[in-house]
Amino acid sequence: MTVSQFRSGVPDDWFVDPVQLGVPGVRRNIDAEEDNPLAWQTDALCAQTDPEAFFPEKGGSTRDAKRICTSCDVRGECLDYALQNDERFGIWGGLSERERRKLKRRAG
Protein backbone atom coordinates (compact mmCIF):
# COMPACT_ATOMS: atom_id res chain seq x y z
CA MET A 1 0.00 0.00 0.00
CA THR A 2 1.35 3.41 -0.93
CA VAL A 3 1.00 6.60 1.05
CA SER A 4 -1.40 8.04 -1.51
CA GLN A 5 -3.63 4.97 -1.22
CA PHE A 6 -3.55 5.24 2.55
CA ARG A 7 -4.55 8.92 2.44
CA SER A 8 -7.29 8.52 -0.16
CA GLY A 9 -10.39 10.39 0.88
CA VAL A 10 -8.55 12.69 3.30
CA PRO A 11 -8.51 16.29 2.09
CA ASP A 12 -5.07 17.91 1.76
CA ASP A 13 -6.20 20.82 3.95
CA TRP A 14 -7.43 18.56 6.74
CA PHE A 15 -6.49 19.90 10.16
CA VAL A 16 -7.53 19.16 13.73
CA ASP A 17 -7.20 22.08 16.10
CA PRO A 18 -5.33 20.83 19.21
CA VAL A 19 -6.99 23.55 21.30
CA GLN A 20 -10.44 22.27 20.36
CA LEU A 21 -9.34 18.74 21.23
CA GLY A 22 -8.19 19.92 24.64
CA VAL A 23 -4.55 18.98 24.20
CA PRO A 24 -2.72 20.03 27.38
CA GLY A 25 -0.08 22.72 26.95
CA VAL A 26 -1.73 24.17 23.83
CA ARG A 27 -3.48 27.50 24.17
CA ARG A 28 -4.88 29.87 21.55
CA ASN A 29 -2.88 32.99 22.30
CA ILE A 30 -1.52 34.81 25.29
CA ASP A 31 -3.71 37.90 24.77
CA ALA A 32 -6.85 35.77 25.09
CA GLU A 33 -5.57 34.46 28.43
CA GLU A 34 -5.65 37.97 29.85
CA ASP A 35 -9.37 38.06 29.10
CA ASN A 36 -9.90 34.66 30.73
CA PRO A 37 -8.29 34.35 34.15
CA LEU A 38 -9.11 30.62 34.17
CA ALA A 39 -7.25 29.82 30.92
CA TRP A 40 -4.63 27.95 32.95
CA GLN A 41 -7.21 25.23 33.62
CA THR A 42 -6.81 23.88 30.07
CA ASP A 43 -3.30 22.77 31.05
CA ALA A 44 -4.23 21.37 34.46
CA LEU A 45 -3.47 17.68 34.88
CA CYS A 46 -6.48 17.27 37.18
CA ALA A 47 -8.74 18.05 34.23
CA GLN A 48 -7.48 14.85 32.61
CA THR A 49 -7.98 12.61 35.64
CA ASP A 50 -10.70 11.47 38.01
CA PRO A 51 -12.04 14.60 39.75
CA GLU A 52 -13.05 12.56 42.80
CA ALA A 53 -9.36 12.16 43.68
CA PHE A 54 -9.19 15.94 44.20
CA PHE A 55 -12.29 16.05 46.40
CA PRO A 56 -11.90 13.09 48.75
CA GLU A 57 -14.46 12.36 51.44
CA LYS A 58 -13.60 13.49 54.95
CA GLY A 59 -10.69 11.40 56.16
CA GLY A 60 -10.00 10.11 52.64
CA SER A 61 -6.52 10.02 51.13
CA THR A 62 -5.15 13.03 49.29
CA ARG A 63 -1.99 11.22 48.21
CA ASP A 64 -3.01 10.50 44.59
CA ALA A 65 -4.19 14.04 43.95
CA LYS A 66 -1.06 15.57 45.46
CA ARG A 67 1.15 13.26 43.40
CA ILE A 68 -0.58 14.46 40.23
CA CYS A 69 -0.13 18.07 41.31
CA THR A 70 3.63 17.67 41.67
CA SER A 71 3.89 17.14 37.89
CA CYS A 72 1.41 19.84 36.88
CA ASP A 73 2.70 22.84 34.92
CA VAL A 74 0.02 25.16 36.31
CA ARG A 75 0.27 24.21 39.97
CA GLY A 76 1.15 27.77 40.99
CA GLU A 77 -1.76 29.31 39.10
CA CYS A 78 -4.08 26.73 40.65
CA LEU A 79 -2.92 27.49 44.19
CA ASP A 80 -3.16 31.24 43.58
CA TYR A 81 -6.71 30.80 42.32
CA ALA A 82 -7.70 28.73 45.36
CA LEU A 83 -6.22 31.24 47.79
CA GLN A 84 -7.72 34.28 46.05
CA ASN A 85 -11.16 32.65 45.83
CA ASP A 86 -11.12 31.10 49.29
CA GLU A 87 -11.68 27.56 47.98
CA ARG A 88 -12.66 25.55 51.02
CA PHE A 89 -12.84 22.07 49.56
CA GLY A 90 -10.51 19.84 47.60
CA ILE A 91 -6.88 19.75 46.60
CA TRP A 92 -5.75 22.89 44.78
CA GLY A 93 -2.16 23.54 43.78
CA GLY A 94 -1.09 20.44 45.67
CA LEU A 95 -2.45 21.61 49.02
CA SER A 96 -5.41 20.43 51.06
CA GLU A 97 -7.94 22.75 52.68
CA ARG A 98 -6.06 22.56 55.99
CA GLU A 99 -2.70 23.28 54.34
CA ARG A 100 -4.14 26.30 52.50
CA ARG A 101 -5.62 27.69 55.72
CA LYS A 102 -2.24 27.31 57.42
CA LEU A 103 -0.51 29.03 54.50
CA LYS A 104 -2.97 31.95 54.63
CA ARG A 105 -2.47 32.35 58.38
CA ARG A 106 1.30 32.50 57.97
CA ALA A 107 1.01 35.02 55.12
CA GLY A 108 -1.58 37.18 56.87
PDB file of N, CA and C in Angstrom:
ATOM      1  N   MET A   1       0.849  -1.188   0.000  1.00  0.00           N
ATOM      2  CA  MET A   1       0.000   0.000   0.000  1.00  0.00           C
ATOM      3  C   MET A   1       0.883   1.236   0.000  1.00  0.00           C
ATOM      4  N   THR A   2       0.575   2.171  -0.852  1.00  0.00           N
ATOM      5  CA  THR A   2       1.347   3.414  -0.929  1.00  0.00           C
ATOM      6  C   THR A   2       0.728   4.463  -0.029  1.00  0.00           C
ATOM      7  N   VAL A   3       1.485   5.510   0.209  1.00  0.00           N
ATOM      8  CA  VAL A   3       0.999   6.599   1.055  1.00  0.00           C
ATOM      9  C   VAL A   3      -0.245   7.232   0.441  1.00  0.00           C
ATOM     10  N   SER A   4      -0.240   7.413  -0.882  1.00  0.00           N
ATOM     11  CA  SER A   4      -1.405   8.038  -1.514  1.00  0.00           C
ATOM     12  C   SER A   4      -2.644   7.159  -1.384  1.00  0.00           C
ATOM     13  N   GLN A   5      -2.485   5.854  -1.411  1.00  0.00           N
ATOM     14  CA  GLN A   5      -3.635   4.968  -1.218  1.00  0.00           C
ATOM     15  C   GLN A   5      -4.126   5.065   0.220  1.00  0.00           C
ATOM     16  N   PHE A   6      -3.202   5.154   1.144  1.00  0.00           N
ATOM     17  CA  PHE A   6      -3.547   5.242   2.551  1.00  0.00           C
ATOM     18  C   PHE A   6      -4.321   6.525   2.846  1.00  0.00           C
ATOM     19  N   ARG A   7      -3.945   7.611   2.181  1.00  0.00           N
ATOM     20  CA  ARG A   7      -4.555   8.916   2.438  1.00  0.00           C
ATOM     21  C   ARG A   7      -5.761   9.183   1.553  1.00  0.00           C
ATOM     22  N   SER A   8      -6.163   8.256   0.740  1.00  0.00           N
ATOM     23  CA  SER A   8      -7.290   8.524  -0.158  1.00  0.00           C
ATOM     24  C   SER A   8      -8.525   8.910   0.648  1.00  0.00           C
ATOM     25  N   GLY A   9      -9.187   9.925   0.192  1.00  0.00           N
ATOM     26  CA  GLY A   9     -10.391  10.389   0.878  1.00  0.00           C
ATOM     27  C   GLY A   9     -10.134  11.420   1.964  1.00  0.00           C
ATOM     28  N   VAL A  10      -8.880  11.690   2.295  1.00  0.00           N
ATOM     29  CA  VAL A  10      -8.551  12.694   3.304  1.00  0.00           C
ATOM     30  C   VAL A  10      -8.137  13.961   2.574  1.00  0.00           C
ATOM     31  N   PRO A  11      -8.852  15.056   2.775  1.00  0.00           N
ATOM     32  CA  PRO A  11      -8.506  16.294   2.086  1.00  0.00           C
ATOM     33  C   PRO A  11      -7.105  16.777   2.468  1.00  0.00           C
ATOM     34  N   ASP A  12      -6.415  17.407   1.513  1.00  0.00           N
ATOM     35  CA  ASP A  12      -5.066  17.914   1.763  1.00  0.00           C
ATOM     36  C   ASP A  12      -5.051  19.014   2.819  1.00  0.00           C
ATOM     37  N   ASP A  13      -6.169  19.733   2.976  1.00  0.00           N
ATOM     38  CA  ASP A  13      -6.202  20.819   3.950  1.00  0.00           C
ATOM     39  C   ASP A  13      -6.807  20.379   5.290  1.00  0.00           C
ATOM     40  N   TRP A  14      -6.866  19.086   5.507  1.00  0.00           N
ATOM     41  CA  TRP A  14      -7.431  18.565   6.740  1.00  0.00           C
ATOM     42  C   TRP A  14      -6.566  18.978   7.920  1.00  0.00           C
ATOM     43  N   PHE A  15      -7.207  19.454   8.986  1.00  0.00           N
ATOM     44  CA  PHE A  15      -6.487  19.899  10.165  1.00  0.00           C
ATOM     45  C   PHE A  15      -7.377  19.734  11.382  1.00  0.00           C
ATOM     46  N   VAL A  16      -6.813  19.258  12.461  1.00  0.00           N
ATOM     47  CA  VAL A  16      -7.533  19.158  13.731  1.00  0.00           C
ATOM     48  C   VAL A  16      -6.890  20.152  14.685  1.00  0.00           C
ATOM     49  N   ASP A  17      -7.689  21.052  15.188  1.00  0.00           N
ATOM     50  CA  ASP A  17      -7.201  22.078  16.097  1.00  0.00           C
ATOM     51  C   ASP A  17      -6.922  21.458  17.467  1.00  0.00           C
ATOM     52  N   PRO A  18      -5.655  21.437  17.921  1.00  0.00           N
ATOM     53  CA  PRO A  18      -5.335  20.829  19.213  1.00  0.00           C
ATOM     54  C   PRO A  18      -5.996  21.544  20.384  1.00  0.00           C
ATOM     55  N   VAL A  19      -6.301  22.825  20.232  1.00  0.00           N
ATOM     56  CA  VAL A  19      -6.988  23.553  21.302  1.00  0.00           C
ATOM     57  C   VAL A  19      -8.411  23.013  21.449  1.00  0.00           C
ATOM     58  N   GLN A  20      -9.076  22.800  20.315  1.00  0.00           N
ATOM     59  CA  GLN A  20     -10.439  22.275  20.358  1.00  0.00           C
ATOM     60  C   GLN A  20     -10.474  20.850  20.923  1.00  0.00           C
ATOM     61  N   LEU A  21      -9.411  20.090  20.688  1.00  0.00           N
ATOM     62  CA  LEU A  21      -9.340  18.735  21.225  1.00  0.00           C
ATOM     63  C   LEU A  21      -9.016  18.722  22.709  1.00  0.00           C
ATOM     64  N   GLY A  22      -8.552  19.841  23.229  1.00  0.00           N
ATOM     65  CA  GLY A  22      -8.192  19.923  24.642  1.00  0.00           C
ATOM     66  C   GLY A  22      -6.819  19.355  24.938  1.00  0.00           C
ATOM     67  N   VAL A  23      -5.903  19.473  23.992  1.00  0.00           N
ATOM     68  CA  VAL A  23      -4.549  18.978  24.195  1.00  0.00           C
ATOM     69  C   VAL A  23      -3.861  19.853  25.239  1.00  0.00           C
ATOM     70  N   PRO A  24      -3.378  19.256  26.327  1.00  0.00           N
ATOM     71  CA  PRO A  24      -2.719  20.034  27.378  1.00  0.00           C
ATOM     72  C   PRO A  24      -1.486  20.754  26.844  1.00  0.00           C
ATOM     73  N   GLY A  25      -1.250  21.953  27.345  1.00  0.00           N
ATOM     74  CA  GLY A  25      -0.079  22.718  26.947  1.00  0.00           C
ATOM     75  C   GLY A  25      -0.278  23.523  25.680  1.00  0.00           C
ATOM     76  N   VAL A  26      -1.460  23.441  25.081  1.00  0.00           N
ATOM     77  CA  VAL A  26      -1.729  24.168  23.835  1.00  0.00           C
ATOM     78  C   VAL A  26      -2.833  25.183  24.107  1.00  0.00           C
ATOM     79  N   ARG A  27      -2.500  26.428  23.957  1.00  0.00           N
ATOM     80  CA  ARG A  27      -3.481  27.496  24.171  1.00  0.00           C
ATOM     81  C   ARG A  27      -3.560  28.352  22.920  1.00  0.00           C
ATOM     82  N   ARG A  28      -4.679  29.042  22.752  1.00  0.00           N
ATOM     83  CA  ARG A  28      -4.879  29.866  21.546  1.00  0.00           C
ATOM     84  C   ARG A  28      -3.836  30.962  21.437  1.00  0.00           C
ATOM     85  N   ASN A  29      -3.898  31.939  22.290  1.00  0.00           N
ATOM     86  CA  ASN A  29      -2.880  32.990  22.297  1.00  0.00           C
ATOM     87  C   ASN A  29      -2.842  33.633  23.675  1.00  0.00           C
ATOM     88  N   ILE A  30      -1.740  34.248  23.959  1.00  0.00           N
ATOM     89  CA  ILE A  30      -1.517  34.808  25.291  1.00  0.00           C
ATOM     90  C   ILE A  30      -2.471  35.959  25.576  1.00  0.00           C
ATOM     91  N   ASP A  31      -2.798  36.782  24.559  1.00  0.00           N
ATOM     92  CA  ASP A  31      -3.706  37.900  24.775  1.00  0.00           C
ATOM     93  C   ASP A  31      -5.077  37.424  25.236  1.00  0.00           C
ATOM     94  N   ALA A  32      -5.541  36.312  24.695  1.00  0.00           N
ATOM     95  CA  ALA A  32      -6.847  35.772  25.088  1.00  0.00           C
ATOM     96  C   ALA A  32      -6.836  35.330  26.543  1.00  0.00           C
ATOM     97  N   GLU A  33      -5.662  34.893  27.034  1.00  0.00           N
ATOM     98  CA  GLU A  33      -5.566  34.462  28.425  1.00  0.00           C
ATOM     99  C   GLU A  33      -5.804  35.612  29.391  1.00  0.00           C
ATOM    100  N   GLU A  34      -5.425  36.814  28.993  1.00  0.00           N
ATOM    101  CA  GLU A  34      -5.649  37.966  29.854  1.00  0.00           C
ATOM    102  C   GLU A  34      -7.140  38.222  30.034  1.00  0.00           C
ATOM    103  N   ASP A  35      -7.929  37.892  29.022  1.00  0.00           N
ATOM    104  CA  ASP A  35      -9.374  38.056  29.104  1.00  0.00           C
ATOM    105  C   ASP A  35     -10.022  36.936  29.906  1.00  0.00           C
ATOM    106  N   ASN A  36      -9.353  35.797  30.011  1.00  0.00           N
ATOM    107  CA  ASN A  36      -9.897  34.659  30.728  1.00  0.00           C
ATOM    108  C   ASN A  36      -8.939  34.250  31.839  1.00  0.00           C
ATOM    109  N   PRO A  37      -9.209  34.665  33.056  1.00  0.00           N
ATOM    110  CA  PRO A  37      -8.294  34.346  34.151  1.00  0.00           C
ATOM    111  C   PRO A  37      -8.225  32.856  34.474  1.00  0.00           C
ATOM    112  N   LEU A  38      -9.121  32.054  33.913  1.00  0.00           N
ATOM    113  CA  LEU A  38      -9.110  30.617  34.168  1.00  0.00           C
ATOM    114  C   LEU A  38      -8.503  29.820  33.015  1.00  0.00           C
ATOM    115  N   ALA A  39      -7.839  30.501  32.079  1.00  0.00           N
ATOM    116  CA  ALA A  39      -7.254  29.823  30.917  1.00  0.00           C
ATOM    117  C   ALA A  39      -6.245  28.757  31.332  1.00  0.00           C
ATOM    118  N   TRP A  40      -5.612  28.922  32.464  1.00  0.00           N
ATOM    119  CA  TRP A  40      -4.631  27.946  32.952  1.00  0.00           C
ATOM    120  C   TRP A  40      -5.254  26.564  33.136  1.00  0.00           C
ATOM    121  N   GLN A  41      -6.555  26.513  33.358  1.00  0.00           N
ATOM    122  CA  GLN A  41      -7.211  25.226  33.618  1.00  0.00           C
ATOM    123  C   GLN A  41      -7.127  24.264  32.433  1.00  0.00           C
ATOM    124  N   THR A  42      -6.928  24.784  31.224  1.00  0.00           N
ATOM    125  CA  THR A  42      -6.815  23.884  30.072  1.00  0.00           C
ATOM    126  C   THR A  42      -5.549  23.045  30.154  1.00  0.00           C
ATOM    127  N   ASP A  43      -4.554  23.502  30.907  1.00  0.00           N
ATOM    128  CA  ASP A  43      -3.301  22.773  31.053  1.00  0.00           C
ATOM    129  C   ASP A  43      -3.221  21.984  32.359  1.00  0.00           C
ATOM    130  N   ALA A  44      -4.256  22.041  33.160  1.00  0.00           N
ATOM    131  CA  ALA A  44      -4.235  21.374  34.458  1.00  0.00           C
ATOM    132  C   ALA A  44      -4.352  19.855  34.306  1.00  0.00           C
ATOM    133  N   LEU A  45      -3.444  19.136  34.945  1.00  0.00           N
ATOM    134  CA  LEU A  45      -3.475  17.680  34.876  1.00  0.00           C
ATOM    135  C   LEU A  45      -4.734  17.104  35.514  1.00  0.00           C
ATOM    136  N   CYS A  46      -5.278  17.781  36.511  1.00  0.00           N
ATOM    137  CA  CYS A  46      -6.479  17.272  37.180  1.00  0.00           C
ATOM    138  C   CYS A  46      -7.672  17.223  36.229  1.00  0.00           C
ATOM    139  N   ALA A  47      -7.652  18.060  35.202  1.00  0.00           N
ATOM    140  CA  ALA A  47      -8.745  18.053  34.227  1.00  0.00           C
ATOM    141  C   ALA A  47      -8.717  16.800  33.366  1.00  0.00           C
ATOM    142  N   GLN A  48      -7.619  16.065  33.411  1.00  0.00           N
ATOM    143  CA  GLN A  48      -7.477  14.848  32.611  1.00  0.00           C
ATOM    144  C   GLN A  48      -7.588  13.591  33.457  1.00  0.00           C
ATOM    145  N   THR A  49      -7.915  13.750  34.734  1.00  0.00           N
ATOM    146  CA  THR A  49      -7.977  12.610  35.643  1.00  0.00           C
ATOM    147  C   THR A  49      -9.317  12.584  36.362  1.00  0.00           C
ATOM    148  N   ASP A  50      -9.467  11.637  37.244  1.00  0.00           N
ATOM    149  CA  ASP A  50     -10.703  11.474  38.008  1.00  0.00           C
ATOM    150  C   ASP A  50     -10.857  12.631  39.002  1.00  0.00           C
ATOM    151  N   PRO A  51     -11.881  13.450  38.844  1.00  0.00           N
ATOM    152  CA  PRO A  51     -12.044  14.600  39.750  1.00  0.00           C
ATOM    153  C   PRO A  51     -12.283  14.195  41.204  1.00  0.00           C
ATOM    154  N   GLU A  52     -12.776  12.996  41.422  1.00  0.00           N
ATOM    155  CA  GLU A  52     -13.047  12.565  42.798  1.00  0.00           C
ATOM    156  C   GLU A  52     -11.757  12.467  43.618  1.00  0.00           C
ATOM    157  N   ALA A  53     -10.634  12.232  42.958  1.00  0.00           N
ATOM    158  CA  ALA A  53      -9.360  12.162  43.681  1.00  0.00           C
ATOM    159  C   ALA A  53      -9.027  13.503  44.311  1.00  0.00           C
ATOM    160  N   PHE A  54      -9.507  14.598  43.719  1.00  0.00           N
ATOM    161  CA  PHE A  54      -9.190  15.939  44.205  1.00  0.00           C
ATOM    162  C   PHE A  54     -10.199  16.452  45.223  1.00  0.00           C
ATOM    163  N   PHE A  55     -11.264  15.696  45.411  1.00  0.00           N
ATOM    164  CA  PHE A  55     -12.287  16.054  46.397  1.00  0.00           C
ATOM    165  C   PHE A  55     -12.638  14.812  47.216  1.00  0.00           C
ATOM    166  N   PRO A  56     -11.656  14.308  47.989  1.00  0.00           N
ATOM    167  CA  PRO A  56     -11.903  13.088  48.752  1.00  0.00           C
ATOM    168  C   PRO A  56     -12.900  13.332  49.887  1.00  0.00           C
ATOM    169  N   GLU A  57     -13.551  12.268  50.289  1.00  0.00           N
ATOM    170  CA  GLU A  57     -14.462  12.362  51.435  1.00  0.00           C
ATOM    171  C   GLU A  57     -13.643  12.653  52.684  1.00  0.00           C
ATOM    172  N   LYS A  58     -14.294  13.156  53.706  1.00  0.00           N
ATOM    173  CA  LYS A  58     -13.601  13.489  54.952  1.00  0.00           C
ATOM    174  C   LYS A  58     -12.835  12.263  55.445  1.00  0.00           C
ATOM    175  N   GLY A  59     -11.553  12.477  55.699  1.00  0.00           N
ATOM    176  CA  GLY A  59     -10.694  11.395  56.160  1.00  0.00           C
ATOM    177  C   GLY A  59     -10.096  10.568  55.029  1.00  0.00           C
ATOM    178  N   GLY A  60     -10.518  10.842  53.792  1.00  0.00           N
ATOM    179  CA  GLY A  60     -10.000  10.107  52.640  1.00  0.00           C
ATOM    180  C   GLY A  60      -8.587  10.552  52.285  1.00  0.00           C
ATOM    181  N   SER A  61      -7.909   9.741  51.508  1.00  0.00           N
ATOM    182  CA  SER A  61      -6.522  10.020  51.134  1.00  0.00           C
ATOM    183  C   SER A  61      -6.429  11.119  50.078  1.00  0.00           C
ATOM    184  N   THR A  62      -5.435  11.973  50.267  1.00  0.00           N
ATOM    185  CA  THR A  62      -5.150  13.030  49.294  1.00  0.00           C
ATOM    186  C   THR A  62      -3.874  12.723  48.513  1.00  0.00           C
ATOM    187  N   ARG A  63      -3.286  11.573  48.785  1.00  0.00           N
ATOM    188  CA  ARG A  63      -1.989  11.216  48.209  1.00  0.00           C
ATOM    189  C   ARG A  63      -1.991  11.218  46.686  1.00  0.00           C
ATOM    190  N   ASP A  64      -2.990  10.577  46.055  1.00  0.00           N
ATOM    191  CA  ASP A  64      -3.014  10.496  44.592  1.00  0.00           C
ATOM    192  C   ASP A  64      -3.128  11.878  43.950  1.00  0.00           C
ATOM    193  N   ALA A  65      -4.000  12.701  44.502  1.00  0.00           N
ATOM    194  CA  ALA A  65      -4.188  14.043  43.949  1.00  0.00           C
ATOM    195  C   ALA A  65      -2.900  14.861  44.083  1.00  0.00           C
ATOM    196  N   LYS A  66      -2.278  14.811  45.239  1.00  0.00           N
ATOM    197  CA  LYS A  66      -1.055  15.574  45.460  1.00  0.00           C
ATOM    198  C   LYS A  66       0.073  15.083  44.556  1.00  0.00           C
ATOM    199  N   ARG A  67       0.127  13.798  44.295  1.00  0.00           N
ATOM    200  CA  ARG A  67       1.146  13.258  43.399  1.00  0.00           C
ATOM    201  C   ARG A  67       0.954  13.810  41.989  1.00  0.00           C
ATOM    202  N   ILE A  68      -0.289  13.889  41.543  1.00  0.00           N
ATOM    203  CA  ILE A  68      -0.584  14.456  40.225  1.00  0.00           C
ATOM    204  C   ILE A  68      -0.179  15.925  40.191  1.00  0.00           C
ATOM    205  N   CYS A  69      -0.474  16.639  41.239  1.00  0.00           N
ATOM    206  CA  CYS A  69      -0.134  18.070  41.305  1.00  0.00           C
ATOM    207  C   CYS A  69       1.363  18.325  41.197  1.00  0.00           C
ATOM    208  N   THR A  70       2.187  17.429  41.710  1.00  0.00           N
ATOM    209  CA  THR A  70       3.630  17.667  41.672  1.00  0.00           C
ATOM    210  C   THR A  70       4.156  17.753  40.249  1.00  0.00           C
ATOM    211  N   SER A  71       3.458  17.129  39.288  1.00  0.00           N
ATOM    212  CA  SER A  71       3.894  17.143  37.885  1.00  0.00           C
ATOM    213  C   SER A  71       3.175  18.189  37.045  1.00  0.00           C
ATOM    214  N   CYS A  72       2.263  18.920  37.641  1.00  0.00           N
ATOM    215  CA  CYS A  72       1.409  19.838  36.885  1.00  0.00           C
ATOM    216  C   CYS A  72       2.117  21.158  36.598  1.00  0.00           C
ATOM    217  N   ASP A  73       2.049  21.594  35.339  1.00  0.00           N
ATOM    218  CA  ASP A  73       2.697  22.839  34.917  1.00  0.00           C
ATOM    219  C   ASP A  73       2.007  24.094  35.456  1.00  0.00           C
ATOM    220  N   VAL A  74       0.756  23.980  35.860  1.00  0.00           N
ATOM    221  CA  VAL A  74       0.015  25.161  36.310  1.00  0.00           C
ATOM    222  C   VAL A  74      -0.319  25.083  37.804  1.00  0.00           C
ATOM    223  N   ARG A  75       0.499  24.375  38.529  1.00  0.00           N
ATOM    224  CA  ARG A  75       0.275  24.212  39.972  1.00  0.00           C
ATOM    225  C   ARG A  75       0.219  25.556  40.695  1.00  0.00           C
ATOM    226  N   GLY A  76       1.117  26.453  40.351  1.00  0.00           N
ATOM    227  CA  GLY A  76       1.154  27.773  40.989  1.00  0.00           C
ATOM    228  C   GLY A  76      -0.097  28.588  40.722  1.00  0.00           C
ATOM    229  N   GLU A  77      -0.545  28.589  39.461  1.00  0.00           N
ATOM    230  CA  GLU A  77      -1.761  29.312  39.103  1.00  0.00           C
ATOM    231  C   GLU A  77      -2.973  28.731  39.836  1.00  0.00           C
ATOM    232  N   CYS A  78      -2.986  27.422  39.964  1.00  0.00           N
ATOM    233  CA  CYS A  78      -4.077  26.734  40.649  1.00  0.00           C
ATOM    234  C   CYS A  78      -4.129  27.134  42.126  1.00  0.00           C
ATOM    235  N   LEU A  79      -2.977  27.108  42.774  1.00  0.00           N
ATOM    236  CA  LEU A  79      -2.924  27.486  44.185  1.00  0.00           C
ATOM    237  C   LEU A  79      -3.297  28.950  44.366  1.00  0.00           C
ATOM    238  N   ASP A  80      -2.787  29.821  43.510  1.00  0.00           N
ATOM    239  CA  ASP A  80      -3.156  31.240  43.582  1.00  0.00           C
ATOM    240  C   ASP A  80      -4.661  31.417  43.472  1.00  0.00           C
ATOM    241  N   TYR A  81      -5.267  30.712  42.517  1.00  0.00           N
ATOM    242  CA  TYR A  81      -6.714  30.803  42.325  1.00  0.00           C
ATOM    243  C   TYR A  81      -7.446  30.376  43.602  1.00  0.00           C
ATOM    244  N   ALA A  82      -7.031  29.252  44.165  1.00  0.00           N
ATOM    245  CA  ALA A  82      -7.702  28.733  45.360  1.00  0.00           C
ATOM    246  C   ALA A  82      -7.585  29.705  46.532  1.00  0.00           C
ATOM    247  N   LEU A  83      -6.414  30.303  46.686  1.00  0.00           N
ATOM    248  CA  LEU A  83      -6.216  31.241  47.793  1.00  0.00           C
ATOM    249  C   LEU A  83      -7.005  32.535  47.573  1.00  0.00           C
ATOM    250  N   GLN A  84      -7.007  33.035  46.354  1.00  0.00           N
ATOM    251  CA  GLN A  84      -7.724  34.276  46.053  1.00  0.00           C
ATOM    252  C   GLN A  84      -9.236  34.097  46.134  1.00  0.00           C
ATOM    253  N   ASN A  85      -9.712  32.896  45.848  1.00  0.00           N
ATOM    254  CA  ASN A  85     -11.156  32.652  45.830  1.00  0.00           C
ATOM    255  C   ASN A  85     -11.646  31.885  47.045  1.00  0.00           C
ATOM    256  N   ASP A  86     -10.778  31.744  48.027  1.00  0.00           N
ATOM    257  CA  ASP A  86     -11.124  31.098  49.290  1.00  0.00           C
ATOM    258  C   ASP A  86     -11.789  29.727  49.074  1.00  0.00           C
ATOM    259  N   GLU A  87     -11.172  28.913  48.213  1.00  0.00           N
ATOM    260  CA  GLU A  87     -11.681  27.556  47.979  1.00  0.00           C
ATOM    261  C   GLU A  87     -11.565  26.771  49.275  1.00  0.00           C
ATOM    262  N   ARG A  88     -12.654  26.233  49.732  1.00  0.00           N
ATOM    263  CA  ARG A  88     -12.662  25.551  51.023  1.00  0.00           C
ATOM    264  C   ARG A  88     -12.627  24.042  50.914  1.00  0.00           C
ATOM    265  N   PHE A  89     -12.794  23.514  49.721  1.00  0.00           N
ATOM    266  CA  PHE A  89     -12.836  22.071  49.557  1.00  0.00           C
ATOM    267  C   PHE A  89     -11.873  21.632  48.466  1.00  0.00           C
ATOM    268  N   GLY A  90     -11.314  20.453  48.640  1.00  0.00           N
ATOM    269  CA  GLY A  90     -10.513  19.845  47.599  1.00  0.00           C
ATOM    270  C   GLY A  90      -9.036  20.186  47.648  1.00  0.00           C
ATOM    271  N   ILE A  91      -8.310  19.526  46.754  1.00  0.00           N
ATOM    272  CA  ILE A  91      -6.878  19.748  46.596  1.00  0.00           C
ATOM    273  C   ILE A  91      -6.697  20.746  45.467  1.00  0.00           C
ATOM    274  N   TRP A  92      -6.029  21.832  45.756  1.00  0.00           N
ATOM    275  CA  TRP A  92      -5.751  22.887  44.780  1.00  0.00           C
ATOM    276  C   TRP A  92      -4.281  23.228  44.880  1.00  0.00           C
ATOM    277  N   GLY A  93      -3.585  23.206  43.773  1.00  0.00           N
ATOM    278  CA  GLY A  93      -2.163  23.539  43.779  1.00  0.00           C
ATOM    279  C   GLY A  93      -1.338  22.618  44.658  1.00  0.00           C
ATOM    280  N   GLY A  94      -1.822  21.420  44.874  1.00  0.00           N
ATOM    281  CA  GLY A  94      -1.091  20.445  45.666  1.00  0.00           C
ATOM    282  C   GLY A  94      -1.311  20.539  47.159  1.00  0.00           C
ATOM    283  N   LEU A  95      -2.202  21.443  47.587  1.00  0.00           N
ATOM    284  CA  LEU A  95      -2.449  21.609  49.018  1.00  0.00           C
ATOM    285  C   LEU A  95      -3.898  21.283  49.369  1.00  0.00           C
ATOM    286  N   SER A  96      -4.076  20.716  50.543  1.00  0.00           N
ATOM    287  CA  SER A  96      -5.414  20.426  51.062  1.00  0.00           C
ATOM    288  C   SER A  96      -6.008  21.697  51.660  1.00  0.00           C
ATOM    289  N   GLU A  97      -7.273  21.602  52.050  1.00  0.00           N
ATOM    290  CA  GLU A  97      -7.936  22.753  52.683  1.00  0.00           C
ATOM    291  C   GLU A  97      -7.160  23.208  53.918  1.00  0.00           C
ATOM    292  N   ARG A  98      -6.786  22.249  54.749  1.00  0.00           N
ATOM    293  CA  ARG A  98      -6.063  22.558  55.987  1.00  0.00           C
ATOM    294  C   ARG A  98      -4.723  23.231  55.680  1.00  0.00           C
ATOM    295  N   GLU A  99      -4.003  22.708  54.700  1.00  0.00           N
ATOM    296  CA  GLU A  99      -2.703  23.281  54.336  1.00  0.00           C
ATOM    297  C   GLU A  99      -2.849  24.696  53.777  1.00  0.00           C
ATOM    298  N   ARG A 100      -3.913  24.943  53.020  1.00  0.00           N
ATOM    299  CA  ARG A 100      -4.140  26.302  52.500  1.00  0.00           C
ATOM    300  C   ARG A 100      -4.489  27.270  53.617  1.00  0.00           C
ATOM    301  N   ARG A 101      -5.293  26.826  54.570  1.00  0.00           N
ATOM    302  CA  ARG A 101      -5.622  27.689  55.717  1.00  0.00           C
ATOM    303  C   ARG A 101      -4.357  28.067  56.489  1.00  0.00           C
ATOM    304  N   LYS A 102      -3.494  27.077  56.705  1.00  0.00           N
ATOM    305  CA  LYS A 102      -2.237  27.310  57.421  1.00  0.00           C
ATOM    306  C   LYS A 102      -1.362  28.309  56.663  1.00  0.00           C
ATOM    307  N   LEU A 103      -1.295  28.132  55.352  1.00  0.00           N
ATOM    308  CA  LEU A 103      -0.510  29.034  54.497  1.00  0.00           C
ATOM    309  C   LEU A 103      -1.051  30.455  54.575  1.00  0.00           C
ATOM    310  N   LYS A 104      -2.361  30.606  54.548  1.00  0.00           N
ATOM    311  CA  LYS A 104      -2.974  31.951  54.633  1.00  0.00           C
ATOM    312  C   LYS A 104      -2.686  32.594  55.986  1.00  0.00           C
ATOM    313  N   ARG A 105      -2.745  31.798  57.053  1.00  0.00           N
ATOM    314  CA  ARG A 105      -2.473  32.345  58.379  1.00  0.00           C
ATOM    315  C   ARG A 105      -1.043  32.859  58.484  1.00  0.00           C
ATOM    316  N   ARG A 106      -0.105  32.087  57.937  1.00  0.00           N
ATOM    317  CA  ARG A 106       1.303  32.496  57.972  1.00  0.00           C
ATOM    318  C   ARG A 106       1.544  33.755  57.146  1.00  0.00           C
ATOM    319  N   ALA A 107       0.834  33.869  56.013  1.00  0.00           N
ATOM    320  CA  ALA A 107       1.014  35.020  55.120  1.00  0.00           C
ATOM    321  C   ALA A 107       0.308  36.259  55.657  1.00  0.00           C
ATOM    322  N   GLY A 108      -0.766  36.053  56.403  1.00  0.00           N
ATOM    323  CA  GLY A 108      -1.585  37.176  56.866  1.00  0.00           C
ATOM    324  C   GLY A 108      -1.075  37.759  58.111  1.00  0.00           C
TER     325      GLY A 108
END
